PDB file of N, CA and C in Angstrom:
ATOM      1  N   MET A   1      40.082 -17.656  12.541  1.00  0.00           N
ATOM      2  CA  MET A   1      39.287 -17.315  11.614  1.00  0.00           C
ATOM      3  C   MET A   1      38.651 -15.784  11.846  1.00  0.00           C
ATOM      4  N   PRO A   2      38.875 -15.021  10.973  1.00  0.00           N
ATOM      5  CA  PRO A   2      38.260 -13.603  11.224  1.00  0.00           C
ATOM      6  C   PRO A   2      36.780 -13.536  11.137  1.00  0.00           C
ATOM      7  N   GLU A   3      36.190 -12.722  12.061  1.00  0.00           N
ATOM      8  CA  GLU A   3      34.659 -12.565  11.961  1.00  0.00           C
ATOM      9  C   GLU A   3      34.294 -11.724  10.817  1.00  0.00           C
ATOM     10  N   LYS A   4      33.170 -12.115  10.145  1.00  0.00           N
ATOM     11  CA  LYS A   4      32.583 -11.366   9.141  1.00  0.00           C
ATOM     12  C   LYS A   4      32.011 -10.001   9.748  1.00  0.00           C
ATOM     13  N   ALA A   5      32.153  -9.005   9.113  1.00  0.00           N
ATOM     14  CA  ALA A   5      31.531  -7.655   9.466  1.00  0.00           C
ATOM     15  C   ALA A   5      30.193  -7.734   9.845  1.00  0.00           C
ATOM     16  N   GLY A   6      29.681  -7.218  10.966  1.00  0.00           N
ATOM     17  CA  GLY A   6      28.220  -7.243  11.191  1.00  0.00           C
ATOM     18  C   GLY A   6      27.739  -8.600  11.831  1.00  0.00           C
ATOM     19  N   SER A   7      28.613  -9.604  11.873  1.00  0.00           N
ATOM     20  CA  SER A   7      28.209 -10.907  12.525  1.00  0.00           C
ATOM     21  C   SER A   7      27.889 -10.942  13.909  1.00  0.00           C
ATOM     22  N   GLY A   8      28.495  -9.977  14.599  1.00  0.00           N
ATOM     23  CA  GLY A   8      28.101  -9.859  16.104  1.00  0.00           C
ATOM     24  C   GLY A   8      29.303 -10.715  16.799  1.00  0.00           C
ATOM     25  N   THR A   9      29.266 -10.779  18.063  1.00  0.00           N
ATOM     26  CA  THR A   9      30.238 -11.486  18.915  1.00  0.00           C
ATOM     27  C   THR A   9      29.458 -12.602  19.668  1.00  0.00           C
ATOM     28  N   PRO A  10      29.889 -13.732  19.740  1.00  0.00           N
ATOM     29  CA  PRO A  10      29.333 -14.752  20.636  1.00  0.00           C
ATOM     30  C   PRO A  10      29.125 -14.236  22.023  1.00  0.00           C
ATOM     31  N   HIS A  11      27.923 -14.525  22.480  1.00  0.00           N
ATOM     32  CA  HIS A  11      27.630 -14.086  23.951  1.00  0.00           C
ATOM     33  C   HIS A  11      28.174 -15.105  24.864  1.00  0.00           C
ATOM     34  N   LYS A  12      28.958 -14.634  25.881  1.00  0.00           N
ATOM     35  CA  LYS A  12      29.517 -15.430  26.928  1.00  0.00           C
ATOM     36  C   LYS A  12      28.577 -15.629  28.097  1.00  0.00           C
ATOM     37  N   PRO A  13      28.134 -16.805  28.424  1.00  0.00           N
ATOM     38  CA  PRO A  13      27.243 -16.914  29.462  1.00  0.00           C
ATOM     39  C   PRO A  13      27.592 -16.209  30.761  1.00  0.00           C
ATOM     40  N   GLY A  14      26.678 -15.657  31.438  1.00  0.00           N
ATOM     41  CA  GLY A  14      26.977 -14.827  32.622  1.00  0.00           C
ATOM     42  C   GLY A  14      27.629 -13.496  32.506  1.00  0.00           C
ATOM     43  N   GLU A  15      27.949 -13.061  31.165  1.00  0.00           N
ATOM     44  CA  GLU A  15      28.513 -11.812  30.869  1.00  0.00           C
ATOM     45  C   GLU A  15      27.681 -10.982  30.025  1.00  0.00           C
ATOM     46  N   ARG A  16      27.507  -9.699  30.411  1.00  0.00           N
ATOM     47  CA  ARG A  16      26.684  -8.844  29.571  1.00  0.00           C
ATOM     48  C   ARG A  16      27.422  -8.431  28.259  1.00  0.00           C
ATOM     49  N   CYS A  17      26.678  -8.310  27.141  1.00  0.00           N
ATOM     50  CA  CYS A  17      27.255  -7.960  25.980  1.00  0.00           C
ATOM     51  C   CYS A  17      28.010  -6.718  26.171  1.00  0.00           C
ATOM     52  N   THR A  18      27.403  -5.749  26.775  1.00  0.00           N
ATOM     53  CA  THR A  18      28.007  -4.374  27.137  1.00  0.00           C
ATOM     54  C   THR A  18      29.278  -4.417  27.893  1.00  0.00           C
ATOM     55  N   ASP A  19      29.536  -5.521  28.532  1.00  0.00           N
ATOM     56  CA  ASP A  19      30.858  -5.707  29.126  1.00  0.00           C
ATOM     57  C   ASP A  19      31.786  -6.500  28.259  1.00  0.00           C
ATOM     58  N   GLN A  20      31.412  -7.016  27.145  1.00  0.00           N
ATOM     59  CA  GLN A  20      32.269  -7.780  26.298  1.00  0.00           C
ATOM     60  C   GLN A  20      32.702  -6.909  25.112  1.00  0.00           C
ATOM     61  N   VAL A  21      31.810  -6.127  24.766  1.00  0.00           N
ATOM     62  CA  VAL A  21      32.049  -5.200  23.542  1.00  0.00           C
ATOM     63  C   VAL A  21      31.864  -3.693  23.912  1.00  0.00           C
ATOM     64  N   ASN A  22      32.656  -2.908  23.344  1.00  0.00           N
ATOM     65  CA  ASN A  22      32.433  -1.411  23.435  1.00  0.00           C
ATOM     66  C   ASN A  22      31.440  -0.921  22.475  1.00  0.00           C
ATOM     67  N   TYR A  23      30.179  -0.660  23.109  1.00  0.00           N
ATOM     68  CA  TYR A  23      29.078  -0.187  22.377  1.00  0.00           C
ATOM     69  C   TYR A  23      28.978   1.395  22.408  1.00  0.00           C
ATOM     70  N   ALA A  24      30.109   2.028  22.588  1.00  0.00           N
ATOM     71  CA  ALA A  24      30.191   3.520  22.588  1.00  0.00           C
ATOM     72  C   ALA A  24      29.628   4.007  21.201  1.00  0.00           C
ATOM     73  N   GLY A  25      28.858   5.139  21.141  1.00  0.00           N
ATOM     74  CA  GLY A  25      28.263   5.494  19.888  1.00  0.00           C
ATOM     75  C   GLY A  25      26.920   4.746  19.360  1.00  0.00           C
ATOM     76  N   ASP A  26      26.634   3.560  20.118  1.00  0.00           N
ATOM     77  CA  ASP A  26      25.451   2.911  19.658  1.00  0.00           C
ATOM     78  C   ASP A  26      24.251   3.548  20.254  1.00  0.00           C
ATOM     79  N   PRO A  27      23.229   3.799  19.591  1.00  0.00           N
ATOM     80  CA  PRO A  27      22.051   4.620  20.048  1.00  0.00           C
ATOM     81  C   PRO A  27      21.236   3.733  21.079  1.00  0.00           C
ATOM     82  N   ARG A  28      21.347   2.386  20.889  1.00  0.00           N
ATOM     83  CA  ARG A  28      20.472   1.594  21.756  1.00  0.00           C
ATOM     84  C   ARG A  28      20.693   1.556  23.154  1.00  0.00           C
ATOM     85  N   PRO A  29      19.749   1.466  24.048  1.00  0.00           N
ATOM     86  CA  PRO A  29      20.195   1.279  25.446  1.00  0.00           C
ATOM     87  C   PRO A  29      20.821   0.003  25.702  1.00  0.00           C
ATOM     88  N   ASN A  30      21.663   0.002  26.832  1.00  0.00           N
ATOM     89  CA  ASN A  30      22.355  -1.272  27.156  1.00  0.00           C
ATOM     90  C   ASN A  30      21.427  -2.458  27.264  1.00  0.00           C
ATOM     91  N   ALA A  31      20.316  -2.267  28.123  1.00  0.00           N
ATOM     92  CA  ALA A  31      19.418  -3.391  28.401  1.00  0.00           C
ATOM     93  C   ALA A  31      18.836  -3.922  27.111  1.00  0.00           C
ATOM     94  N   GLU A  32      18.605  -3.218  26.046  1.00  0.00           N
ATOM     95  CA  GLU A  32      18.235  -3.751  24.649  1.00  0.00           C
ATOM     96  C   GLU A  32      19.326  -4.516  24.253  1.00  0.00           C
ATOM     97  N   ILE A  33      20.565  -4.082  24.208  1.00  0.00           N
ATOM     98  CA  ILE A  33      21.651  -4.735  23.563  1.00  0.00           C
ATOM     99  C   ILE A  33      21.938  -6.164  24.372  1.00  0.00           C
ATOM    100  N   ASN A  34      21.825  -6.024  25.664  1.00  0.00           N
ATOM    101  CA  ASN A  34      22.028  -7.258  26.522  1.00  0.00           C
ATOM    102  C   ASN A  34      21.054  -8.296  26.361  1.00  0.00           C
ATOM    103  N   SER A  35      19.697  -7.826  26.109  1.00  0.00           N
ATOM    104  CA  SER A  35      18.698  -8.821  25.984  1.00  0.00           C
ATOM    105  C   SER A  35      18.760  -9.546  24.679  1.00  0.00           C
ATOM    106  N   ILE A  36      19.259  -8.905  23.477  1.00  0.00           N
ATOM    107  CA  ILE A  36      19.551  -9.355  22.292  1.00  0.00           C
ATOM    108  C   ILE A  36      20.553 -10.587  22.522  1.00  0.00           C
ATOM    109  N   GLY A  37      21.592 -10.236  23.204  1.00  0.00           N
ATOM    110  CA  GLY A  37      22.562 -11.144  23.498  1.00  0.00           C
ATOM    111  C   GLY A  37      22.111 -12.485  24.149  1.00  0.00           C
ATOM    112  N   GLU A  38      21.178 -12.160  25.272  1.00  0.00           N
ATOM    113  CA  GLU A  38      20.692 -13.315  26.061  1.00  0.00           C
ATOM    114  C   GLU A  38      19.768 -14.199  25.178  1.00  0.00           C
ATOM    115  N   GLU A  39      18.979 -13.564  24.292  1.00  0.00           N
ATOM    116  CA  GLU A  39      17.815 -14.313  23.540  1.00  0.00           C
ATOM    117  C   GLU A  39      18.489 -14.919  22.349  1.00  0.00           C
ATOM    118  N   THR A  40      19.624 -14.369  21.815  1.00  0.00           N
ATOM    119  CA  THR A  40      20.090 -15.051  20.559  1.00  0.00           C
ATOM    120  C   THR A  40      21.247 -15.732  20.604  1.00  0.00           C
ATOM    121  N   GLY A  41      22.037 -15.518  21.823  1.00  0.00           N
ATOM    122  CA  GLY A  41      23.414 -16.021  22.069  1.00  0.00           C
ATOM    123  C   GLY A  41      24.439 -15.317  21.386  1.00  0.00           C
ATOM    124  N   THR A  42      24.250 -14.275  20.670  1.00  0.00           N
ATOM    125  CA  THR A  42      25.149 -13.472  19.948  1.00  0.00           C
ATOM    126  C   THR A  42      25.014 -12.017  20.310  1.00  0.00           C
ATOM    127  N   CYS A  43      25.947 -11.403  20.850  1.00  0.00           N
ATOM    128  CA  CYS A  43      25.834  -9.866  20.964  1.00  0.00           C
ATOM    129  C   CYS A  43      25.790  -9.253  19.678  1.00  0.00           C
ATOM    130  N   PRO A  44      24.915  -8.330  19.476  1.00  0.00           N
ATOM    131  CA  PRO A  44      24.601  -7.543  18.224  1.00  0.00           C
ATOM    132  C   PRO A  44      25.867  -6.755  17.965  1.00  0.00           C
ATOM    133  N   ALA A  45      26.092  -6.469  16.594  1.00  0.00           N
ATOM    134  CA  ALA A  45      27.096  -5.759  16.021  1.00  0.00           C
ATOM    135  C   ALA A  45      26.755  -4.294  16.412  1.00  0.00           C
ATOM    136  N   VAL A  46      27.969  -3.409  16.615  1.00  0.00           N
ATOM    137  CA  VAL A  46      27.734  -2.125  17.117  1.00  0.00           C
ATOM    138  C   VAL A  46      27.071  -1.259  16.055  1.00  0.00           C
ATOM    139  N   GLN A  47      26.063  -0.545  16.278  1.00  0.00           N
ATOM    140  CA  GLN A  47      25.319   0.442  15.236  1.00  0.00           C
ATOM    141  C   GLN A  47      25.606   1.885  15.589  1.00  0.00           C
ATOM    142  N   HIS A  48      25.978   2.573  14.581  1.00  0.00           N
ATOM    143  CA  HIS A  48      26.313   3.953  14.693  1.00  0.00           C
ATOM    144  C   HIS A  48      25.325   4.822  14.004  1.00  0.00           C
TER     145      HIS A  48
END
């Protein structure tokens, strides 16, 4: 089933979102992206 645009990626336990998804061009720091994944269980969609 294809992901909806902007839905993010399910966070894999023990893996950082920044290791699962290429956040090149995203202005947010890695720590912020990774903490969103830890707290919500979903890695945020890349922002440009």
